[in-house]
């Protein structure tokens, strides 16, 4: 506001100032001037046709001018100490400003002996915005963070500010943004302010995530509004993903997991890293986002992007989001798939899988395998023509060997030939089958060349004893062997006893003959 004060003679009472509002003549003299602490500040005014100018650092009537300009000559204490200067015959320059320079300055302009004008300008000194520090006890100076539920309050602080800052806590809910109940306190060291605000975290009964925002506002043009976003998560509240069907991706695929088609207030991406715990991958609120884990990015629509999928990234993912109507979650189950260049299984002993044949006996072992796969598959050996039932596979043994991120898988089954079946062909085709989730089924065939049953009958060969179990057969053979060994031992013992008895009798007879001979000589 500018005042025009015109002097008017009032007889014996001297001169009276007649003041009124003045508009368009003083458009370049602002009522408030903001000056950064430590810099030179200019109160830029325009006083045309002025004869004398007096600047005061106070609005008191008893104040003395700090600098004046009369007839082109500058005077006053501000000139002698170099603190002040008058620029362009009207504007006041304040050098090396401090917070002590923050006050209302008055300019009195004398245009003529009968016309005097007065203008007041308020000077606000503010600290360098680069030195001000906004922080939160759980986030530090980061612009956003996500933390787990806590019992201690959230404390927001802005230090080294001038003038003092206005701090507020707001809470994002499904019903909108609301001011949170908070406690404020402030300290002042004589030049700069430290401002604090604290609030307690509260959750909805069904919500896992709640968002708090600390906002810093200082009433100066060059100081923008600053914010720190805190997302607080209650990990005691879970979500069901056990019945989720997996989605399979090849090695090094680019994967995009969608969260929601609506525009959410906020979202959090989690990945299951053990039976009950989920680790945070990334989060998003407004223009602020945090990507906590390498290898992941957040899309503009809130989707989770995985560049060049690796086996370490497979698992269960869940997106927690709030669109303004309530909290929801979207689960995903990612499976990493790697297959060898030739996905068909191999059979040990077959160098050529397209034309492989074994001379079969009444029973034996076949081993089918595949190497360099993920996830684990289960090879299976079967007879191709199930109606014949000539060959039966039993007792499959699965061996899985880990090689880096992949698996080598072997299955060995015992096969037995059913002698009760009248097979007409001496060649029976057998297949090893593997089924992949992404590629489907692959087979490798092998031919078992069996003894000719018709020829055996013509030659009078006995019929094969049916093999109900190779273990029983082995045990029967062992029993026969044990009987033979036992019988042999008994026979040896009897022979030894008989030999010793015969030797004893012969000795007795020799002794009797010797005694009789000695008597006859006597």
Protein backbone atom coordinates (compact mmCIF):
# COMPACT_ATOMS: atom_id res chain seq x y z
CA UNK A 1 0.00 0.00 0.00
CA UNK A 2 1.39 3.38 -0.92
CA UNK A 3 0.48 6.61 0.81
CA UNK A 4 0.70 10.06 -0.71
CA UNK A 5 1.17 12.61 2.05
CA UNK A 6 0.97 16.22 0.90
CA UNK A 7 2.02 19.02 3.24
CA UNK A 8 -0.41 21.91 3.70
CA UNK A 9 0.04 25.14 5.65
CA UNK A 10 -2.11 25.32 8.77
CA UNK A 11 -1.47 28.79 10.18
CA UNK A 12 0.15 28.92 13.57
CA UNK A 13 -0.08 25.18 13.89
CA UNK A 14 2.57 24.60 11.20
CA UNK A 15 2.27 22.01 8.45
CA UNK A 16 -0.22 19.14 8.28
CA UNK A 17 0.33 15.98 6.16
CA UNK A 18 -2.71 15.13 4.06
CA UNK A 19 -2.39 11.44 3.05
CA UNK A 20 -4.43 9.45 0.60
CA UNK A 21 -4.18 6.28 -1.45
CA UNK A 22 -2.10 6.50 -4.55
CA UNK A 23 -2.52 4.05 -7.44
CA UNK A 24 -0.99 4.02 -10.85
CA UNK A 25 1.90 6.42 -10.26
CA UNK A 26 3.91 3.88 -8.17
CA UNK A 27 3.45 0.51 -9.90
CA UNK A 28 7.10 -0.59 -9.49
CA UNK A 29 7.44 -0.31 -5.72
CA UNK A 30 6.32 -3.61 -4.11
CA UNK A 31 4.83 -3.85 -0.65
CA UNK A 32 6.81 -7.05 0.19
CA UNK A 33 10.33 -7.93 -0.88
CA UNK A 34 11.90 -11.43 -0.42
CA UNK A 35 15.67 -11.54 -0.09
CA UNK A 36 17.83 -14.64 0.30
CA UNK A 37 19.97 -14.71 3.41
CA UNK A 38 23.56 -13.64 2.70
CA UNK A 39 22.82 -11.99 -0.65
CA UNK A 40 22.33 -8.35 -1.63
CA UNK A 41 18.68 -7.28 -1.75
CA UNK A 42 17.06 -4.44 -3.68
CA UNK A 43 13.83 -2.65 -2.78
CA UNK A 44 13.06 -1.51 -6.27
CA UNK A 45 10.97 1.66 -6.37
CA UNK A 46 10.28 4.42 -8.85
CA UNK A 47 10.00 7.99 -7.64
CA UNK A 48 9.77 10.44 -10.58
CA UNK A 49 10.76 14.09 -10.18
CA UNK A 50 11.90 13.57 -6.60
CA UNK A 51 14.03 16.31 -5.01
CA UNK A 52 14.94 14.51 -1.78
CA UNK A 53 14.63 10.84 -0.67
CA UNK A 54 14.95 9.55 2.88
CA UNK A 55 15.07 5.79 3.67
CA UNK A 56 14.34 4.50 7.17
CA UNK A 57 14.70 1.00 8.63
CA UNK A 58 11.73 1.59 10.90
CA UNK A 59 8.22 3.01 10.78
CA UNK A 60 8.69 4.80 14.08
CA UNK A 61 8.25 8.55 14.00
CA UNK A 62 11.42 8.89 16.07
CA UNK A 63 13.51 6.96 13.58
CA UNK A 64 16.44 8.55 11.88
CA UNK A 65 17.14 7.91 8.18
CA UNK A 66 19.71 5.22 7.39
CA UNK A 67 20.50 6.89 4.05
CA UNK A 68 19.31 9.93 2.13
CA UNK A 69 19.72 11.50 -1.28
CA UNK A 70 19.60 15.27 -1.72
CA UNK A 71 20.81 17.09 -4.79
CA UNK A 72 22.69 14.06 -5.98
CA UNK A 73 24.52 13.70 -2.67
CA UNK A 74 24.14 10.58 -0.48
CA UNK A 75 24.45 10.78 3.28
CA UNK A 76 23.69 8.84 6.46
CA UNK A 77 25.20 6.01 8.50
CA UNK A 78 24.33 3.48 5.81
CA UNK A 79 26.68 5.24 3.44
CA UNK A 80 29.60 5.40 5.83
CA UNK A 81 29.47 1.70 6.80
CA UNK A 82 28.67 0.53 3.27
CA UNK A 83 25.52 -1.35 4.34
CA UNK A 84 23.03 0.63 2.24
CA UNK A 85 22.95 2.50 -1.04
CA UNK A 86 20.39 4.28 -3.22
CA UNK A 87 20.28 3.01 -6.78
CA UNK A 88 18.82 4.87 -9.77
CA UNK A 89 17.88 7.79 -7.54
CA UNK A 90 15.10 5.84 -5.80
CA UNK A 91 15.66 2.11 -5.00
CA UNK A 92 17.27 0.94 -1.73
CA UNK A 93 20.11 -1.60 -1.88
CA UNK A 94 20.80 -3.70 1.24
CA UNK A 95 24.18 -5.44 1.15
CA UNK A 96 25.00 -8.87 2.65
CA UNK A 97 21.60 -9.40 4.22
CA UNK A 98 21.09 -11.22 7.51
CA UNK A 99 17.96 -12.16 9.42
CA UNK A 100 18.41 -8.90 11.37
CA UNK A 101 17.55 -7.03 8.16
CA UNK A 102 14.05 -8.51 8.16
CA UNK A 103 11.70 -5.58 8.96
CA UNK A 104 9.54 -2.88 7.37
CA UNK A 105 11.40 -0.10 5.59
CA UNK A 106 9.91 3.36 4.92
CA UNK A 107 10.72 5.77 2.10
CA UNK A 108 9.78 9.44 2.41
CA UNK A 109 9.99 11.30 -0.87
CA UNK A 110 9.84 15.08 -1.06
CA UNK A 111 8.82 16.17 -4.55
CA UNK A 112 8.44 19.85 -3.76
CA UNK A 113 8.21 22.11 -0.77
CA UNK A 114 4.54 21.31 -0.56
CA UNK A 115 4.38 17.61 -1.60
CA UNK A 116 5.68 14.65 0.45
CA UNK A 117 5.09 10.97 -0.31
CA UNK A 118 5.56 7.98 2.02
CA UNK A 119 5.87 4.30 1.00
CA UNK A 120 6.36 1.24 3.30
CA UNK A 121 7.98 -2.03 2.15
CA UNK A 122 8.23 -5.22 4.21
CA UNK A 123 11.47 -7.18 3.73
CA UNK A 124 11.40 -10.96 4.36
CA UNK A 125 14.77 -12.71 4.67
CA UNK A 126 14.74 -16.43 3.83
CA UNK A 127 17.41 -19.07 4.15
CA UNK A 128 19.03 -20.69 1.13
CA UNK A 129 16.59 -23.44 0.08
CA UNK A 130 19.57 -25.72 -0.60
CA UNK A 131 20.54 -25.70 3.06
CA UNK A 132 17.06 -26.62 4.36
CA UNK A 133 16.76 -30.33 5.21
CA UNK A 134 13.41 -32.14 5.20
CA UNK A 135 13.54 -35.60 6.76
CA UNK A 136 11.48 -38.29 8.47
CA UNK A 137 12.69 -40.55 11.26
CA UNK A 138 12.01 -43.74 9.23
CA UNK A 139 13.00 -42.47 5.74
CA UNK A 140 15.89 -40.12 6.31
CA UNK A 141 16.05 -37.50 3.54
CA UNK A 142 14.61 -39.80 0.84
CA UNK A 143 11.53 -38.45 -0.92
CA UNK A 144 9.65 -41.71 -0.26
CA UNK A 145 10.01 -44.99 1.59
CA UNK A 146 8.07 -48.05 2.69
CA UNK A 147 8.31 -49.42 6.23
CA UNK A 148 6.59 -52.04 8.34
CA UNK A 149 4.06 -51.25 11.03
CA UNK A 150 5.61 -49.60 14.07
CA UNK A 151 4.63 -48.59 17.58
CA UNK A 152 6.58 -45.30 17.56
CA UNK A 153 5.20 -42.12 15.91
CA UNK A 154 6.18 -40.81 12.49
CA UNK A 155 8.28 -37.65 13.02
CA UNK A 156 8.84 -35.17 10.21
CA UNK A 157 11.46 -32.42 10.60
CA UNK A 158 12.66 -29.50 8.54
CA UNK A 159 15.84 -27.88 9.78
CA UNK A 160 17.84 -24.76 8.92
CA UNK A 161 14.93 -22.76 7.57
CA UNK A 162 14.03 -19.12 7.74
CA UNK A 163 11.34 -18.02 8.09
CA UNK A 164 9.97 -21.03 9.98
CA UNK A 165 8.23 -23.64 7.87
CA UNK A 166 4.68 -24.98 8.09
CA UNK A 167 4.66 -28.79 8.36
CA UNK A 168 1.54 -30.97 8.03
CA UNK A 169 0.79 -34.71 8.07
CA UNK A 170 -1.89 -35.99 5.69
CA UNK A 171 -3.27 -39.53 5.47
CA UNK A 172 -4.40 -41.12 2.21
CA UNK A 173 -7.58 -43.15 2.60
CA UNK A 174 -10.24 -44.61 0.33
CA UNK A 175 -12.33 -41.55 1.14
CA UNK A 176 -9.61 -39.11 0.05
CA UNK A 177 -6.82 -37.11 1.63
CA UNK A 178 -7.30 -36.04 5.24
CA UNK A 179 -5.21 -34.13 7.73
CA UNK A 180 -3.83 -36.42 10.40
CA UNK A 181 -3.82 -35.52 14.06
CA UNK A 182 -0.35 -34.28 14.86
CA UNK A 183 1.83 -32.58 17.45
CA UNK A 184 4.01 -29.63 16.40
CA UNK A 185 7.00 -28.00 18.03
CA UNK A 186 9.78 -25.67 16.91
CA UNK A 187 13.22 -24.44 17.94
CA UNK A 188 15.15 -21.28 16.97
CA UNK A 189 18.90 -20.71 17.31
CA UNK A 190 18.75 -16.98 16.72
CA UNK A 191 18.94 -17.14 12.94
CA UNK A 192 17.47 -20.43 11.67
CA UNK A 193 14.47 -22.56 12.65
CA UNK A 194 13.99 -26.29 13.22
CA UNK A 195 10.36 -27.41 12.90
CA UNK A 196 8.96 -30.81 13.93
CA UNK A 197 5.62 -32.58 13.54
CA UNK A 198 4.72 -36.10 14.73
CA UNK A 199 1.71 -38.38 14.23
CA UNK A 200 0.68 -41.89 15.25
CA UNK A 201 0.01 -44.49 12.54
CA UNK A 202 -3.48 -46.00 12.40
CA UNK A 203 -4.80 -48.77 10.11
CA UNK A 204 -8.17 -49.81 8.82
CA UNK A 205 -9.10 -53.29 10.01
CA UNK A 206 -8.89 -54.81 6.53
CA UNK A 207 -6.10 -52.69 5.04
CA UNK A 208 -2.52 -53.90 4.79
CA UNK A 209 -1.04 -50.57 3.57
CA UNK A 210 -1.61 -46.97 4.67
CA UNK A 211 0.03 -43.84 3.18
CA UNK A 212 1.19 -40.77 5.12
CA UNK A 213 2.58 -37.59 3.55
CA UNK A 214 4.62 -34.91 5.28
CA UNK A 215 4.28 -31.54 3.48
CA UNK A 216 6.56 -28.56 4.00
CA UNK A 217 5.33 -25.07 3.06
CA UNK A 218 7.20 -21.78 3.45
CA UNK A 219 5.55 -18.53 2.41
CA UNK A 220 8.25 -17.37 0.02
CA UNK A 221 8.00 -17.34 -3.79
CA UNK A 222 11.27 -19.16 -4.46
CA UNK A 223 10.59 -22.03 -2.05
CA UNK A 224 8.44 -24.80 -3.60
CA UNK A 225 6.27 -27.16 -1.58
CA UNK A 226 8.24 -30.24 -0.52
CA UNK A 227 6.86 -33.65 0.43
CA UNK A 228 7.99 -37.03 1.74
CA UNK A 229 5.71 -40.04 1.23
CA UNK A 230 5.73 -42.85 3.80
CA UNK A 231 3.98 -46.13 3.04
CA UNK A 232 3.42 -48.19 6.18
CA UNK A 233 2.63 -51.90 5.80
CA UNK A 234 0.99 -54.25 8.30
CA UNK A 235 2.64 -57.58 7.46
CA UNK A 236 0.37 -59.47 9.86
CA UNK A 237 -2.43 -59.21 7.29
CA UNK A 238 -1.97 -61.78 4.53
CA UNK A 239 -3.53 -62.84 1.25
CA UNK A 240 -4.30 -66.22 -0.32
CA UNK A 241 -2.22 -67.28 -3.36
CA UNK A 242 -1.90 -71.06 -2.88
CA UNK A 243 -4.61 -71.94 -5.44
CA UNK A 244 -3.15 -69.67 -8.10
CA UNK A 245 -2.26 -71.39 -11.39
CA UNK A 246 1.24 -70.61 -12.68
CA UNK A 247 2.11 -68.73 -15.85
CA UNK A 248 5.15 -70.16 -17.64
CA UNK A 249 7.82 -68.00 -19.26
CA UNK A 250 10.89 -69.00 -21.20
CA UNK A 251 14.41 -68.15 -20.14
CA UNK A 252 15.25 -64.45 -20.76
CA UNK A 253 11.66 -63.51 -21.63
CA UNK A 254 10.52 -59.95 -20.84
CA UNK A 255 7.66 -60.31 -18.37
CA UNK A 256 4.90 -57.77 -17.63
CA UNK A 257 2.67 -58.39 -14.61
CA UNK A 258 -0.46 -56.24 -14.56
CA UNK A 259 -1.83 -54.80 -11.33
CA UNK A 260 -5.09 -53.01 -12.19
CA UNK A 261 -6.69 -51.27 -15.16
CA UNK A 262 -7.94 -48.44 -12.93
CA UNK A 263 -5.84 -45.52 -11.75
CA UNK A 264 -4.81 -46.48 -8.20
CA UNK A 265 -4.12 -44.08 -5.36
CA UNK A 266 -1.13 -46.22 -4.48
CA UNK A 267 0.23 -49.73 -5.05
CA UNK A 268 2.89 -52.02 -3.64
CA UNK A 269 4.48 -55.01 -5.40
CA UNK A 270 5.60 -57.93 -3.22
CA UNK A 271 7.36 -61.25 -3.92
CA UNK A 272 7.15 -64.34 -1.72
CA UNK A 273 10.62 -65.31 -0.50
CA UNK A 274 9.67 -68.07 1.95
CA UNK A 275 6.61 -69.84 3.31
CA UNK A 276 5.07 -66.79 5.03
CA UNK A 277 7.22 -63.74 4.21
CA UNK A 278 6.90 -61.39 1.23
CA UNK A 279 9.69 -58.99 0.27
CA UNK A 280 8.91 -55.57 -1.23
CA UNK A 281 9.88 -55.22 -4.90
CA UNK A 282 8.59 -51.69 -5.58
CA UNK A 283 5.87 -49.19 -4.78
CA UNK A 284 4.11 -46.23 -6.33
CA UNK A 285 2.19 -43.19 -5.12
CA UNK A 286 1.36 -40.25 -7.38
CA UNK A 287 4.58 -39.14 -9.03
CA UNK A 288 6.77 -40.91 -6.48
CA UNK A 289 7.93 -44.48 -6.88
CA UNK A 290 10.56 -46.68 -5.38
CA UNK A 291 12.29 -49.62 -7.08
CA UNK A 292 13.92 -51.49 -4.26
CA UNK A 293 15.18 -54.60 -6.07
CA UNK A 294 17.48 -54.82 -9.11
CA UNK A 295 16.06 -56.39 -12.24
CA UNK A 296 12.60 -54.84 -11.82
CA UNK A 297 10.89 -51.68 -13.05
CA UNK A 298 7.49 -50.13 -12.53
CA UNK A 299 5.52 -49.29 -15.65
CA UNK A 300 3.54 -46.06 -16.01
CA UNK A 301 0.33 -48.06 -15.52
CA UNK A 302 1.66 -49.60 -12.30
CA UNK A 303 2.62 -52.94 -13.87
CA UNK A 304 5.74 -54.78 -12.76
CA UNK A 305 8.31 -55.23 -15.54
CA UNK A 306 10.92 -58.00 -15.42
CA UNK A 307 13.65 -57.65 -18.04
CA UNK A 308 15.22 -60.94 -19.21
CA UNK A 309 13.68 -63.35 -16.71
CA UNK A 310 16.08 -65.52 -14.72
CA UNK A 311 15.35 -68.51 -12.51
CA UNK A 312 15.98 -66.40 -9.37
CA UNK A 313 12.91 -64.30 -10.28
CA UNK A 314 10.38 -67.09 -10.48
CA UNK A 315 7.86 -67.32 -7.66
CA UNK A 316 4.67 -65.76 -6.32
CA UNK A 317 4.05 -62.03 -6.78
CA UNK A 318 1.21 -59.88 -5.46
CA UNK A 319 0.20 -56.27 -6.14
CA UNK A 320 -1.58 -54.45 -3.30
CA UNK A 321 -3.49 -51.41 -4.55
CA UNK A 322 -6.21 -48.93 -3.63
CA UNK A 323 -8.35 -47.28 -6.31
CA UNK A 324 -10.30 -45.12 -3.87
CA UNK A 325 -13.05 -47.65 -3.14
CA UNK A 326 -10.99 -49.95 -0.95
CA UNK A 327 -7.83 -52.01 -0.84
CA UNK A 328 -7.46 -54.98 -3.21
CA UNK A 329 -4.69 -57.28 -4.38
CA UNK A 330 -3.75 -59.03 -7.63
CA UNK A 331 -1.61 -62.22 -7.40
CA UNK A 332 0.67 -63.76 -10.04
CA UNK A 333 2.66 -66.99 -10.06
CA UNK A 334 5.67 -66.92 -12.38
CA UNK A 335 7.39 -70.12 -13.50
CA UNK A 336 10.76 -70.13 -15.27
CA UNK A 337 11.08 -72.70 -18.08
CA UNK A 338 14.28 -73.82 -19.79
CA UNK A 339 14.47 -76.71 -22.26
CA UNK A 340 17.45 -78.20 -24.12
CA UNK A 341 17.80 -77.65 -27.88
CA UNK A 342 16.55 -81.22 -28.40
CA UNK A 343 13.65 -81.65 -25.95
CA UNK A 344 13.23 -85.37 -26.73
CA UNK A 345 14.43 -87.72 -23.96
CA UNK A 346 17.37 -90.07 -24.37
CA UNK A 347 17.77 -93.72 -23.41
CA UNK A 348 21.04 -94.97 -21.98
CA UNK A 349 22.64 -97.48 -24.35
CA UNK A 350 21.05 -95.92 -27.45
CA UNK A 351 23.40 -93.82 -29.54
CA UNK A 352 20.74 -93.39 -32.21
CA UNK A 353 17.36 -92.59 -30.70
CA UNK A 354 15.55 -93.04 -34.02
CA UNK A 355 16.54 -96.68 -34.48
CA UNK A 356 17.46 -98.29 -31.18
CA UNK A 357 17.03 -101.99 -30.36
CA UNK A 358 17.91 -104.16 -27.36
CA UNK A 359 18.05 -107.97 -27.13
CA UNK A 360 15.72 -108.53 -24.21
CA UNK A 361 15.66 -111.38 -21.74
CA UNK A 362 12.95 -112.27 -19.28
CA UNK A 363 13.69 -109.04 -17.41
CA UNK A 364 16.08 -106.13 -17.15
CA UNK A 365 16.51 -102.37 -16.61
CA UNK A 366 15.95 -99.39 -18.91
CA UNK A 367 17.06 -95.83 -18.08
CA UNK A 368 15.44 -92.79 -19.69
CA UNK A 369 16.88 -89.28 -19.16
CA UNK A 370 16.75 -85.59 -20.09
CA UNK A 371 19.44 -83.01 -19.25
CA UNK A 372 19.41 -79.23 -18.91
CA UNK A 373 15.76 -78.59 -18.02
CA UNK A 374 13.78 -76.47 -15.56
CA UNK A 375 11.39 -77.04 -13.86
CA UNK A 376 11.70 -80.73 -12.96
CA UNK A 377 9.88 -83.07 -15.36
CA UNK A 378 9.03 -86.75 -14.86
CA UNK A 379 10.05 -89.13 -17.68
CA UNK A 380 7.93 -92.29 -17.96
CA UNK A 381 8.57 -95.64 -19.70
CA UNK A 382 5.57 -97.46 -21.23
CA UNK A 383 4.77 -100.16 -23.79
CA UNK A 384 3.46 -98.44 -26.93
CA UNK A 385 0.72 -101.02 -27.64
CA UNK A 386 -1.00 -101.27 -24.28
CA UNK A 387 -3.32 -104.04 -25.51
CA UNK A 388 -0.48 -106.55 -25.73
CA UNK A 389 0.73 -106.21 -22.13
CA UNK A 390 3.82 -108.22 -23.02
CA UNK A 391 6.21 -105.95 -21.13
CA UNK A 392 5.55 -104.60 -17.66
CA UNK A 393 7.54 -101.70 -16.13
CA UNK A 394 7.91 -101.58 -12.36
CA UNK A 395 9.91 -100.00 -9.56
CA UNK A 396 10.80 -96.66 -11.28
CA UNK A 397 13.67 -94.82 -9.57
CA UNK A 398 13.93 -91.04 -10.18
CA UNK A 399 17.31 -89.29 -9.83
CA UNK A 400 17.54 -85.47 -10.12
CA UNK A 401 20.92 -83.74 -10.31
CA UNK A 402 21.22 -79.96 -10.05
CA UNK A 403 23.62 -78.33 -12.51
CA UNK A 404 23.62 -74.59 -11.89
CA UNK A 405 20.07 -73.36 -12.43
CA UNK A 406 19.07 -76.46 -14.45
CA UNK A 407 18.38 -80.12 -13.73
CA UNK A 408 19.57 -83.44 -15.19
CA UNK A 409 16.83 -86.04 -14.67
CA UNK A 410 17.10 -89.85 -14.91
CA UNK A 411 14.43 -92.50 -14.37
CA UNK A 412 15.31 -96.22 -14.27
CA UNK A 413 12.55 -98.85 -14.44
CA UNK A 414 12.69 -102.64 -14.25
CA UNK A 415 10.93 -104.40 -17.11
CA UNK A 416 9.73 -108.00 -17.15
CA UNK A 417 8.45 -110.10 -20.07
CA UNK A 418 5.14 -111.82 -19.40
CA UNK A 419 5.57 -115.46 -20.58
CA UNK A 420 1.83 -116.14 -20.35
CA UNK A 421 1.22 -113.80 -23.30
CA UNK A 422 1.31 -115.32 -26.77
CA UNK A 423 3.15 -112.57 -28.59
CA UNK A 424 3.30 -113.01 -32.32
CA UNK A 425 6.12 -110.53 -32.92
CA UNK A 426 9.51 -110.87 -31.34
CA UNK A 427 9.93 -107.05 -31.35
CA UNK A 428 8.02 -104.96 -28.82
CA UNK A 429 8.13 -101.17 -29.08
CA UNK A 430 8.62 -99.18 -25.85
CA UNK A 431 8.49 -95.38 -25.41
CA UNK A 432 9.98 -92.88 -22.96
CA UNK A 433 7.59 -89.92 -22.61
CA UNK A 434 8.24 -86.40 -21.25
CA UNK A 435 5.55 -83.70 -21.01
CA UNK A 436 6.61 -80.03 -20.85
CA UNK A 437 4.31 -77.27 -19.65
CA UNK A 438 5.12 -75.02 -22.61
CA UNK A 439 6.20 -77.43 -25.39
CA UNK A 440 3.86 -80.33 -24.85
CA UNK A 441 4.78 -84.03 -25.09
CA UNK A 442 7.91 -85.59 -26.59
CA UNK A 443 8.65 -89.33 -27.06
CA UNK A 444 11.66 -91.49 -27.78
CA UNK A 445 11.13 -95.12 -28.90
CA UNK A 446 13.20 -98.24 -28.31
CA UNK A 447 12.60 -101.81 -29.57
CA UNK A 448 12.95 -104.80 -27.26
CA UNK A 449 13.85 -107.91 -29.27
CA UNK A 450 12.31 -110.83 -27.32
CA UNK A 451 13.04 -114.60 -27.54
CA UNK A 452 10.88 -116.28 -30.20
CA UNK A 453 8.22 -118.12 -28.24
CA UNK A 454 7.16 -120.46 -31.09
CA UNK A 455 10.74 -121.61 -31.71
CA UNK A 456 11.17 -122.35 -28.02
CA UNK A 457 8.15 -124.66 -27.96
CA UNK A 458 9.28 -126.58 -31.06
CA UNK A 459 12.69 -127.17 -29.52
CA UNK A 460 11.07 -128.53 -26.38
CA UNK A 461 12.27 -125.73 -24.21
CA UNK A 462 10.43 -125.30 -20.99
CA UNK A 463 8.15 -122.42 -20.52
CA UNK A 464 9.56 -119.31 -18.73
CA UNK A 465 8.64 -119.27 -15.08
CA UNK A 466 6.45 -116.19 -14.54
CA UNK A 467 8.28 -113.40 -12.75
CA UNK A 468 6.00 -111.98 -10.16
CA UNK A 469 8.83 -110.14 -8.58
CA UNK A 470 12.55 -110.18 -9.33
CA UNK A 471 13.26 -109.84 -5.63
CA UNK A 472 11.36 -113.12 -4.88
CA UNK A 473 13.29 -114.90 -7.63
CA UNK A 474 16.55 -113.70 -6.21
CA UNK A 475 15.53 -114.79 -2.74
CA UNK A 476 14.55 -118.31 -4.01
CA UNK A 477 17.93 -118.67 -5.71
CA UNK A 478 19.64 -117.61 -2.53
CA UNK A 479 17.68 -120.22 -0.52
CA UNK A 480 18.75 -123.04 -2.90
CA UNK A 481 22.34 -121.92 -2.70
CA UNK A 482 22.21 -121.84 1.09
CA UNK A 483 20.84 -125.44 1.17
CA UNK A 484 23.61 -126.66 -1.14
CA UNK A 485 26.28 -125.01 0.98
CA UNK A 486 24.82 -126.42 4.20
CA UNK A 487 24.63 -129.96 2.73
CA UNK A 488 28.24 -129.78 1.55
CA UNK A 489 29.43 -128.76 4.99
CA UNK A 490 27.55 -131.63 6.66
CA UNK A 491 29.04 -134.16 4.20
CA UNK A 492 32.55 -132.85 4.86
CA UNK A 493 32.03 -133.15 8.61
CA UNK A 494 30.80 -136.79 8.29
CA UNK A 495 33.73 -137.74 6.04
CA UNK A 496 36.18 -136.20 8.53
CA UNK A 497 34.68 -138.12 11.46
CA UNK A 498 34.72 -141.46 9.58
CA UNK A 499 38.36 -140.92 8.53
CA UNK A 500 39.47 -140.20 12.07
CA UNK A 501 37.65 -143.26 13.46
CA UNK A 502 39.29 -145.54 10.87
CA UNK A 503 42.70 -144.10 11.64
CA UNK A 504 42.14 -144.69 15.38
CA UNK A 505 41.20 -148.36 14.84
CA UNK A 506 44.23 -148.99 12.66
CA UNK A 507 46.47 -147.54 15.32
CA UNK A 508 44.99 -149.82 18.00
CA UNK A 509 45.57 -152.89 15.82
CA UNK A 510 49.22 -151.94 15.23
CA UNK A 511 49.81 -151.45 18.94
CA UNK A 512 48.39 -154.92 19.76
CA UNK A 513 50.56 -156.62 17.13
CA UNK A 514 53.72 -154.90 18.48
CA UNK A 515 53.00 -156.03 22.08
CA UNK A 516 52.41 -159.67 20.97
CA UNK A 517 55.70 -159.71 19.07
CA UNK A 518 57.65 -158.48 22.09
CA UNK A 519 56.20 -161.30 24.28
CA UNK A 520 57.20 -164.01 21.79
CA UNK A 521 60.79 -162.79 21.69
CA UNK A 522 60.94 -163.01 25.48
